[in-house]
């Protein structure tokens, strides 16, 4: 029997609420309150999300973020800093009981098939092919890992996971247009030279969907391609839905008491 997952488009939200929603869906699924879920969303205002283990004082120029009107939030997933400006973010909550492989590598390979199918609908042949990290950078897209999709050797989409028991949250960024100037103006470096090196590495190793397609990307169509890609690749039925009242309430609470606080974002 074909498994049914929710497809939820929560539109634009601020950084703390977006991260809270992801975590609440994960917790609710673990408790058996909601089915597996594919969510798409965007960010307003633009935001810089940090990997769980990043050190904000070392990696982020907070005055620059404040001046630019860019939110800063820590994720529960790993990796480096991601600028959420002109991009589409997706998140998946599921579990081993839903057919997700137990191993981290296996689950990334399994779920990546949905992203690969999405890009295939756009006429792009992407692959899950890790690269070699040649230098440290606070910017997530400067490195290519097992979780990331590449197109002609350059990173086109990045993802990260958090696990709680046999359940997982995977979310990732699908950049539409280059925002490198803004990104590197928000990060700290030991010197101007190290900033230039990191910026050059970023340019060599990354692409955006707009650059590959040579045109503006219709976000509504991309959402549909993402939905159809996952449905076909994973053999599931995705039905339109929204957050439950409980998810909405708990997300708003978690955004306030966790994701908008210095205690969480600075991990004090």
C-alpha atoms as a PDB file:
ATOM      1  CA  UNK A   1       0.000   0.000   0.000  1.00  0.00           C
ATOM      2  CA  UNK A   2       1.313   3.435  -0.953  1.00  0.00           C
ATOM      3  CA  UNK A   3       2.340   5.466   2.072  1.00  0.00           C
ATOM      4  CA  UNK A   4       0.807   8.916   2.567  1.00  0.00           C
ATOM      5  CA  UNK A   5       2.866  11.919   3.661  1.00  0.00           C
ATOM      6  CA  UNK A   6       1.776  15.501   4.287  1.00  0.00           C
ATOM      7  CA  UNK A   7       2.921  18.286   1.987  1.00  0.00           C
ATOM      8  CA  UNK A   8       2.880  21.632   3.795  1.00  0.00           C
ATOM      9  CA  UNK A   9       3.784  25.035   2.373  1.00  0.00           C
ATOM     10  CA  UNK A  10       4.163  27.430   5.298  1.00  0.00           C
ATOM     11  CA  UNK A  11       5.295  30.342   3.131  1.00  0.00           C
ATOM     12  CA  UNK A  12       7.423  33.110   4.652  1.00  0.00           C
ATOM     13  CA  UNK A  13       8.263  33.170   8.364  1.00  0.00           C
ATOM     14  CA  UNK A  14      11.034  34.601  10.478  1.00  0.00           C
ATOM     15  CA  UNK A  15      14.083  32.534  11.389  1.00  0.00           C
ATOM     16  CA  UNK A  16      13.106  31.515  14.913  1.00  0.00           C
ATOM     17  CA  UNK A  17       9.653  30.355  13.842  1.00  0.00           C
ATOM     18  CA  UNK A  18      10.963  28.424  10.835  1.00  0.00           C
ATOM     19  CA  UNK A  19      13.394  26.463  13.018  1.00  0.00           C
ATOM     20  CA  UNK A  20      10.777  25.946  15.702  1.00  0.00           C
ATOM     21  CA  UNK A  21       8.294  24.504  13.202  1.00  0.00           C
ATOM     22  CA  UNK A  22      10.842  21.966  11.969  1.00  0.00           C
ATOM     23  CA  UNK A  23      11.608  20.795  15.513  1.00  0.00           C
ATOM     24  CA  UNK A  24       7.949  20.648  16.570  1.00  0.00           C
ATOM     25  CA  UNK A  25       6.995  18.542  13.545  1.00  0.00           C
ATOM     26  CA  UNK A  26       9.841  16.161  14.437  1.00  0.00           C
ATOM     27  CA  UNK A  27       8.687  15.861  18.054  1.00  0.00           C
ATOM     28  CA  UNK A  28       5.038  15.454  17.070  1.00  0.00           C
ATOM     29  CA  UNK A  29       5.924  12.694  14.606  1.00  0.00           C
ATOM     30  CA  UNK A  30       7.932  10.868  17.260  1.00  0.00           C
ATOM     31  CA  UNK A  31       4.868  11.044  19.531  1.00  0.00           C
ATOM     32  CA  UNK A  32       2.668   9.642  16.759  1.00  0.00           C
ATOM     33  CA  UNK A  33       0.678  12.849  16.426  1.00  0.00           C
ATOM     34  CA  UNK A  34       1.421  13.611  12.767  1.00  0.00           C
ATOM     35  CA  UNK A  35       2.442  11.591   9.696  1.00  0.00           C
ATOM     36  CA  UNK A  36       5.724  11.924   7.780  1.00  0.00           C
ATOM     37  CA  UNK A  37       5.933  15.444   6.400  1.00  0.00           C
ATOM     38  CA  UNK A  38       7.557  17.311   3.534  1.00  0.00           C
ATOM     39  CA  UNK A  39       7.491  21.062   4.180  1.00  0.00           C
ATOM     40  CA  UNK A  40       8.596  23.952   1.971  1.00  0.00           C
ATOM     41  CA  UNK A  41       9.184  27.437   3.298  1.00  0.00           C
ATOM     42  CA  UNK A  42      10.990  30.759   2.908  1.00  0.00           C
ATOM     43  CA  UNK A  43      12.385  33.428   5.208  1.00  0.00           C
ATOM     44  CA  UNK A  44      11.308  36.996   5.980  1.00  0.00           C
ATOM     45  CA  UNK A  45      13.453  38.796   6.898  1.00  0.00           C
ATOM     46  CA  UNK A  46      16.465  37.119   5.313  1.00  0.00           C
ATOM     47  CA  UNK A  47      18.397  35.025   7.803  1.00  0.00           C
ATOM     48  CA  UNK A  48      21.727  33.415   8.519  1.00  0.00           C
ATOM     49  CA  UNK A  49      21.282  29.964  10.017  1.00  0.00           C
ATOM     50  CA  UNK A  50      24.201  28.400  11.853  1.00  0.00           C
ATOM     51  CA  UNK A  51      25.087  24.769  12.290  1.00  0.00           C
ATOM     52  CA  UNK A  52      24.574  23.357  15.788  1.00  0.00           C
ATOM     53  CA  UNK A  53      28.287  23.310  16.636  1.00  0.00           C
ATOM     54  CA  UNK A  54      29.304  26.666  15.199  1.00  0.00           C
ATOM     55  CA  UNK A  55      30.693  29.374  17.482  1.00  0.00           C
ATOM     56  CA  UNK A  56      28.770  32.533  16.748  1.00  0.00           C
ATOM     57  CA  UNK A  57      31.388  34.917  18.176  1.00  0.00           C
ATOM     58  CA  UNK A  58      34.061  33.370  15.982  1.00  0.00           C
ATOM     59  CA  UNK A  59      32.119  32.952  12.749  1.00  0.00           C
ATOM     60  CA  UNK A  60      29.506  35.726  12.580  1.00  0.00           C
ATOM     61  CA  UNK A  61      29.769  39.514  12.401  1.00  0.00           C
ATOM     62  CA  UNK A  62      26.681  40.304  14.438  1.00  0.00           C
ATOM     63  CA  UNK A  63      26.816  44.098  13.952  1.00  0.00           C
ATOM     64  CA  UNK A  64      26.929  43.527  10.183  1.00  0.00           C
ATOM     65  CA  UNK A  65      23.897  41.220  10.410  1.00  0.00           C
ATOM     66  CA  UNK A  66      21.975  43.763  12.451  1.00  0.00           C
ATOM     67  CA  UNK A  67      22.844  46.572  10.052  1.00  0.00           C
ATOM     68  CA  UNK A  68      21.733  44.460   7.086  1.00  0.00           C
ATOM     69  CA  UNK A  69      18.495  43.445   8.811  1.00  0.00           C
ATOM     70  CA  UNK A  70      19.436  39.758   8.681  1.00  0.00           C
ATOM     71  CA  UNK A  71      18.209  37.419  11.435  1.00  0.00           C
ATOM     72  CA  UNK A  72      20.647  34.938  12.975  1.00  0.00           C
ATOM     73  CA  UNK A  73      19.487  31.572  14.327  1.00  0.00           C
ATOM     74  CA  UNK A  74      21.135  28.301  15.362  1.00  0.00           C
ATOM     75  CA  UNK A  75      19.845  25.074  13.810  1.00  0.00           C
ATOM     76  CA  UNK A  76      19.556  21.716  15.556  1.00  0.00           C
ATOM     77  CA  UNK A  77      21.340  20.235  12.532  1.00  0.00           C
ATOM     78  CA  UNK A  78      25.042  20.406  11.769  1.00  0.00           C
ATOM     79  CA  UNK A  79      27.064  22.078   9.039  1.00  0.00           C
ATOM     80  CA  UNK A  80      28.054  25.673   8.459  1.00  0.00           C
ATOM     81  CA  UNK A  81      26.342  29.007   7.991  1.00  0.00           C
ATOM     82  CA  UNK A  82      23.655  29.281   5.303  1.00  0.00           C
ATOM     83  CA  UNK A  83      22.241  32.569   4.056  1.00  0.00           C
ATOM     84  CA  UNK A  84      18.502  32.257   3.486  1.00  0.00           C
ATOM     85  CA  UNK A  85      17.667  35.058   1.083  1.00  0.00           C
ATOM     86  CA  UNK A  86      16.775  34.181  -2.497  1.00  0.00           C
ATOM     87  CA  UNK A  87      16.245  30.459  -2.022  1.00  0.00           C
ATOM     88  CA  UNK A  88      13.682  27.790  -1.213  1.00  0.00           C
ATOM     89  CA  UNK A  89      14.065  25.669   1.906  1.00  0.00           C
ATOM     90  CA  UNK A  90      12.613  22.198   2.335  1.00  0.00           C
ATOM     91  CA  UNK A  91      12.364  19.965   5.384  1.00  0.00           C
ATOM     92  CA  UNK A  92      11.489  16.302   5.790  1.00  0.00           C
ATOM     93  CA  UNK A  93      10.417  14.592   8.982  1.00  0.00           C
ATOM     94  CA  UNK A  94      10.203  10.820   8.863  1.00  0.00           C
ATOM     95  CA  UNK A  95      11.453   7.707  10.635  1.00  0.00           C
ATOM     96  CA  UNK A  96      12.808   4.210  10.173  1.00  0.00           C
ATOM     97  CA  UNK A  97       9.272   2.914  10.701  1.00  0.00           C
ATOM     98  CA  UNK A  98       8.265   4.914   7.608  1.00  0.00           C
ATOM     99  CA  UNK A  99      10.867   3.156   5.463  1.00  0.00           C
ATOM    100  CA  UNK A 100      13.862   5.443   6.033  1.00  0.00           C
ATOM    101  CA  UNK A 101      17.204   3.565   6.139  1.00  0.00           C
ATOM    102  CA  UNK A 102      18.721   3.355   9.621  1.00  0.00           C
ATOM    103  CA  UNK A 103      22.202   4.585   8.690  1.00  0.00           C
ATOM    104  CA  UNK A 104      22.898   8.269   8.221  1.00  0.00           C
ATOM    105  CA  UNK A 105      24.555   7.680   4.851  1.00  0.00           C
ATOM    106  CA  UNK A 106      21.713   5.422   3.726  1.00  0.00           C
ATOM    107  CA  UNK A 107      19.044   7.932   4.702  1.00  0.00           C
ATOM    108  CA  UNK A 108      20.828  10.729   2.853  1.00  0.00           C
ATOM    109  CA  UNK A 109      21.074   8.556  -0.257  1.00  0.00           C
ATOM    110  CA  UNK A 110      17.420   7.588   0.029  1.00  0.00           C
ATOM    111  CA  UNK A 111      16.052  11.086   0.513  1.00  0.00           C
ATOM    112  CA  UNK A 112      18.395  12.604  -2.067  1.00  0.00           C
ATOM    113  CA  UNK A 113      16.506  10.667  -4.721  1.00  0.00           C
ATOM    114  CA  UNK A 114      13.605  13.057  -4.261  1.00  0.00           C
ATOM    115  CA  UNK A 115      15.844  16.078  -4.849  1.00  0.00           C
ATOM    116  CA  UNK A 116      17.515  14.410  -7.819  1.00  0.00           C
ATOM    117  CA  UNK A 117      14.073  13.725  -9.322  1.00  0.00           C
ATOM    118  CA  UNK A 118      13.079  17.350  -8.708  1.00  0.00           C
ATOM    119  CA  UNK A 119      16.076  18.650 -10.641  1.00  0.00           C
ATOM    120  CA  UNK A 120      15.491  16.033 -13.327  1.00  0.00           C
ATOM    121  CA  UNK A 121      12.102  17.635 -13.945  1.00  0.00           C
ATOM    122  CA  UNK A 122      14.007  20.873 -14.575  1.00  0.00           C
ATOM    123  CA  UNK A 123      16.251  19.141 -17.112  1.00  0.00           C
ATOM    124  CA  UNK A 124      19.268  18.940 -14.796  1.00  0.00           C
ATOM    125  CA  UNK A 125      21.260  15.794 -14.025  1.00  0.00           C
ATOM    126  CA  UNK A 126      22.555  16.232 -10.492  1.00  0.00           C
ATOM    127  CA  UNK A 127      24.300  13.672  -8.341  1.00  0.00           C
ATOM    128  CA  UNK A 128      25.112  12.901  -4.744  1.00  0.00           C
ATOM    129  CA  UNK A 129      28.858  13.108  -5.073  1.00  0.00           C
ATOM    130  CA  UNK A 130      30.905  14.337  -2.115  1.00  0.00           C
ATOM    131  CA  UNK A 131      33.889  16.539  -2.755  1.00  0.00           C
ATOM    132  CA  UNK A 132      37.051  17.123  -0.751  1.00  0.00           C
ATOM    133  CA  UNK A 133      37.178  19.976   1.724  1.00  0.00           C
ATOM    134  CA  UNK A 134      40.371  21.920   1.036  1.00  0.00           C
ATOM    135  CA  UNK A 135      39.990  24.691   3.629  1.00  0.00           C
ATOM    136  CA  UNK A 136      37.855  25.593   6.593  1.00  0.00           C
ATOM    137  CA  UNK A 137      35.101  28.115   6.032  1.00  0.00           C
ATOM    138  CA  UNK A 138      32.165  29.202   8.159  1.00  0.00           C
ATOM    139  CA  UNK A 139      30.017  29.146   5.003  1.00  0.00           C
ATOM    140  CA  UNK A 140      28.198  25.848   4.540  1.00  0.00           C
ATOM    141  CA  UNK A 141      28.180  26.036   0.743  1.00  0.00           C
ATOM    142  CA  UNK A 142      31.979  26.317   0.628  1.00  0.00           C
ATOM    143  CA  UNK A 143      32.222  22.575   1.280  1.00  0.00           C
ATOM    144  CA  UNK A 144      30.643  19.545  -0.362  1.00  0.00           C
ATOM    145  CA  UNK A 145      29.649  16.648   1.877  1.00  0.00           C
ATOM    146  CA  UNK A 146      27.754  13.385   1.622  1.00  0.00           C
ATOM    147  CA  UNK A 147      24.490  15.276   2.077  1.00  0.00           C
ATOM    148  CA  UNK A 148      24.879  17.617  -0.893  1.00  0.00           C
ATOM    149  CA  UNK A 149      23.962  17.549  -4.557  1.00  0.00           C
ATOM    150  CA  UNK A 150      26.372  18.646  -7.253  1.00  0.00           C
ATOM    151  CA  UNK A 151      25.933  19.693 -10.856  1.00  0.00           C
ATOM    152  CA  UNK A 152      29.005  19.379 -13.070  1.00  0.00           C
ATOM    153  CA  UNK A 153      31.176  19.209  -9.989  1.00  0.00           C
ATOM    154  CA  UNK A 154      29.712  22.225  -8.210  1.00  0.00           C
ATOM    155  CA  UNK A 155      27.419  22.244  -5.204  1.00  0.00           C
ATOM    156  CA  UNK A 156      23.829  23.095  -6.113  1.00  0.00           C
ATOM    157  CA  UNK A 157      21.887  22.111  -2.991  1.00  0.00           C
ATOM    158  CA  UNK A 158      22.865  21.417   0.607  1.00  0.00           C
ATOM    159  CA  UNK A 159      21.142  19.435   3.350  1.00  0.00           C
ATOM    160  CA  UNK A 160      21.684  18.551   7.004  1.00  0.00           C
ATOM    161  CA  UNK A 161      20.100  16.157   9.490  1.00  0.00           C
ATOM    162  CA  UNK A 162      19.202  15.856  13.142  1.00  0.00           C
ATOM    163  CA  UNK A 163      18.166  12.522  14.652  1.00  0.00           C
ATOM    164  CA  UNK A 164      16.121  11.631  17.691  1.00  0.00           C
ATOM    165  CA  UNK A 165      15.986   7.902  18.159  1.00  0.00           C
ATOM    166  CA  UNK A 166      14.805   6.349  14.901  1.00  0.00           C
ATOM    167  CA  UNK A 167      13.246   9.588  13.637  1.00  0.00           C
ATOM    168  CA  UNK A 168      14.973  12.294  11.647  1.00  0.00           C
ATOM    169  CA  UNK A 169      14.665  15.842  10.455  1.00  0.00           C
ATOM    170  CA  UNK A 170      16.416  16.657   7.186  1.00  0.00           C
ATOM    171  CA  UNK A 171      16.269  20.173   5.839  1.00  0.00           C
ATOM    172  CA  UNK A 172      18.138  21.941   3.122  1.00  0.00           C
ATOM    173  CA  UNK A 173      18.562  25.003   0.964  1.00  0.00           C
ATOM    174  CA  UNK A 174      17.926  25.294  -2.773  1.00  0.00           C
ATOM    175  CA  UNK A 175      19.580  28.619  -3.742  1.00  0.00           C
ATOM    176  CA  UNK A 176      17.904  30.490  -6.580  1.00  0.00           C
ATOM    177  CA  UNK A 177      20.313  33.405  -7.024  1.00  0.00           C
ATOM    178  CA  UNK A 178      23.851  34.158  -5.855  1.00  0.00           C
ATOM    179  CA  UNK A 179      24.098  36.060  -2.592  1.00  0.00           C
ATOM    180  CA  UNK A 180      27.820  35.609  -1.997  1.00  0.00           C
ATOM    181  CA  UNK A 181      28.576  39.302  -1.462  1.00  0.00           C
ATOM    182  CA  UNK A 182      26.000  39.507   1.323  1.00  0.00           C
ATOM    183  CA  UNK A 183      26.995  36.165   2.855  1.00  0.00           C
ATOM    184  CA  UNK A 184      30.685  36.985   3.134  1.00  0.00           C
ATOM    185  CA  UNK A 185      29.943  40.439   4.508  1.00  0.00           C
ATOM    186  CA  UNK A 186      28.179  38.761   7.457  1.00  0.00           C
ATOM    187  CA  UNK A 187      30.934  36.299   8.384  1.00  0.00           C
ATOM    188  CA  UNK A 188      34.074  36.869  10.420  1.00  0.00           C
ATOM    189  CA  UNK A 189      37.545  36.065   9.105  1.00  0.00           C
ATOM    190  CA  UNK A 190      40.980  36.398  10.646  1.00  0.00           C
ATOM    191  CA  UNK A 191      42.104  38.708   7.852  1.00  0.00           C
ATOM    192  CA  UNK A 192      41.053  40.237   4.570  1.00  0.00           C
ATOM    193  CA  UNK A 193      43.212  37.676   2.793  1.00  0.00           C
ATOM    194  CA  UNK A 194      41.440  34.728   4.425  1.00  0.00           C
ATOM    195  CA  UNK A 195      38.085  36.272   3.473  1.00  0.00           C
ATOM    196  CA  UNK A 196      39.200  36.558  -0.155  1.00  0.00           C
ATOM    197  CA  UNK A 197      40.394  32.937  -0.194  1.00  0.00           C
ATOM    198  CA  UNK A 198      37.120  31.698   1.263  1.00  0.00           C
ATOM    199  CA  UNK A 199      35.151  33.806  -1.199  1.00  0.00           C
ATOM    200  CA  UNK A 200      37.170  32.455  -4.140  1.00  0.00           C
ATOM    201  CA  UNK A 201      36.603  28.884  -2.942  1.00  0.00           C
ATOM    202  CA  UNK A 202      32.893  29.551  -2.650  1.00  0.00           C
ATOM    203  CA  UNK A 203      32.770  30.837  -6.233  1.00  0.00           C
ATOM    204  CA  UNK A 204      34.661  27.811  -7.564  1.00  0.00           C
ATOM    205  CA  UNK A 205      32.559  25.227  -5.762  1.00  0.00           C
ATOM    206  CA  UNK A 206      28.980  26.501  -5.871  1.00  0.00           C
ATOM    207  CA  UNK A 207      26.171  27.238  -8.289  1.00  0.00           C
ATOM    208  CA  UNK A 208      22.624  28.527  -7.964  1.00  0.00           C
ATOM    209  CA  UNK A 209      19.609  27.291  -9.852  1.00  0.00           C
ATOM    210  CA  UNK A 210      19.241  30.664 -11.558  1.00  0.00           C
ATOM    211  CA  UNK A 211      22.823  30.491 -12.839  1.00  0.00           C
ATOM    212  CA  UNK A 212      22.344  26.985 -14.216  1.00  0.00           C
ATOM    213  CA  UNK A 213      18.980  27.747 -15.813  1.00  0.00           C
ATOM    214  CA  UNK A 214      20.078  31.150 -17.099  1.00  0.00           C
ATOM    215  CA  UNK A 215      16.795  32.728 -16.001  1.00  0.00           C
ATOM    216  CA  UNK A 216      14.635  33.561 -13.031  1.00  0.00           C
ATOM    217  CA  UNK A 217      13.125  30.521 -11.368  1.00  0.00           C
ATOM    218  CA  UNK A 218       9.393  30.389 -10.695  1.00  0.00           C
ATOM    219  CA  UNK A 219       9.238  29.395  -7.025  1.00  0.00           C
ATOM    220  CA  UNK A 220       5.708  28.043  -7.359  1.00  0.00           C
ATOM    221  CA  UNK A 221       6.832  25.694 -10.114  1.00  0.00           C
ATOM    222  CA  UNK A 222       9.904  24.679  -8.120  1.00  0.00           C
ATOM    223  CA  UNK A 223       7.698  23.734  -5.162  1.00  0.00           C
ATOM    224  CA  UNK A 224       5.593  21.551  -7.451  1.00  0.00           C
ATOM    225  CA  UNK A 225       8.709  19.956  -8.962  1.00  0.00           C
ATOM    226  CA  UNK A 226       9.979  19.227  -5.458  1.00  0.00           C
ATOM    227  CA  UNK A 227       6.680  17.695  -4.473  1.00  0.00           C
ATOM    228  CA  UNK A 228       6.411  15.522  -7.578  1.00  0.00           C
ATOM    229  CA  UNK A 229      10.077  14.557  -7.386  1.00  0.00           C
ATOM    230  CA  UNK A 230       9.746  13.193  -3.861  1.00  0.00           C
ATOM    231  CA  UNK A 231       6.423  11.499  -4.551  1.00  0.00           C
ATOM    232  CA  UNK A 232       7.766   9.588  -7.541  1.00  0.00           C
ATOM    233  CA  UNK A 233      11.252   8.841  -6.247  1.00  0.00           C
ATOM    234  CA  UNK A 234      10.109   7.609  -2.828  1.00  0.00           C
ATOM    235  CA  UNK A 235       6.904   5.964  -4.056  1.00  0.00           C
ATOM    236  CA  UNK A 236       4.695   7.944  -1.673  1.00  0.00           C
ATOM    237  CA  UNK A 237       1.470   9.930  -1.927  1.00  0.00           C
ATOM    238  CA  UNK A 238       1.793  13.566  -0.874  1.00  0.00           C
ATOM    239  CA  UNK A 239      -1.412  15.323   0.085  1.00  0.00           C
ATOM    240  CA  UNK A 240      -1.860  19.047   0.760  1.00  0.00           C
ATOM    241  CA  UNK A 241      -2.185  19.901   4.406  1.00  0.00           C
ATOM    242  CA  UNK A 242      -1.378  22.558   6.991  1.00  0.00           C
ATOM    243  CA  UNK A 243       0.071  22.610  10.472  1.00  0.00           C
ATOM    244  CA  UNK A 244      -2.278  21.359  13.168  1.00  0.00           C
ATOM    245  CA  UNK A 245      -3.427  23.777  15.857  1.00  0.00           C
ATOM    246  CA  UNK A 246      -1.110  22.003  18.275  1.00  0.00           C
ATOM    247  CA  UNK A 247       1.870  22.347  15.954  1.00  0.00           C
ATOM    248  CA  UNK A 248       1.130  26.022  15.409  1.00  0.00           C
ATOM    249  CA  UNK A 249       0.818  26.752  19.121  1.00  0.00           C
ATOM    250  CA  UNK A 250       3.901  24.768  20.119  1.00  0.00           C
ATOM    251  CA  UNK A 251       5.964  26.280  17.314  1.00  0.00           C
ATOM    252  CA  UNK A 252       5.134  29.803  18.424  1.00  0.00           C
ATOM    253  CA  UNK A 253       6.052  28.917  21.999  1.00  0.00           C
ATOM    254  CA  UNK A 254       9.320  27.229  21.007  1.00  0.00           C
ATOM    255  CA  UNK A 255      10.301  30.145  18.779  1.00  0.00           C
ATOM    256  CA  UNK A 256       9.926  32.464  21.761  1.00  0.00           C
ATOM    257  CA  UNK A 257      11.523  30.398  24.514  1.00  0.00           C
ATOM    258  CA  UNK A 258      14.322  28.812  22.465  1.00  0.00           C
ATOM    259  CA  UNK A 259      15.135  29.998  18.961  1.00  0.00           C
ATOM    260  CA  UNK A 260      14.871  33.726  19.634  1.00  0.00           C
ATOM    261  CA  UNK A 261      17.048  33.603  22.757  1.00  0.00           C
ATOM    262  CA  UNK A 262      20.745  34.310  23.258  1.00  0.00           C
ATOM    263  CA  UNK A 263      20.906  31.212  25.467  1.00  0.00           C
ATOM    264  CA  UNK A 264      20.216  29.033  22.436  1.00  0.00           C
ATOM    265  CA  UNK A 265      21.830  31.005  19.641  1.00  0.00           C
ATOM    266  CA  UNK A 266      25.016  31.697  21.584  1.00  0.00           C
ATOM    267  CA  UNK A 267      24.719  28.414  23.513  1.00  0.00           C
ATOM    268  CA  UNK A 268      25.539  30.188  26.792  1.00  0.00           C
END
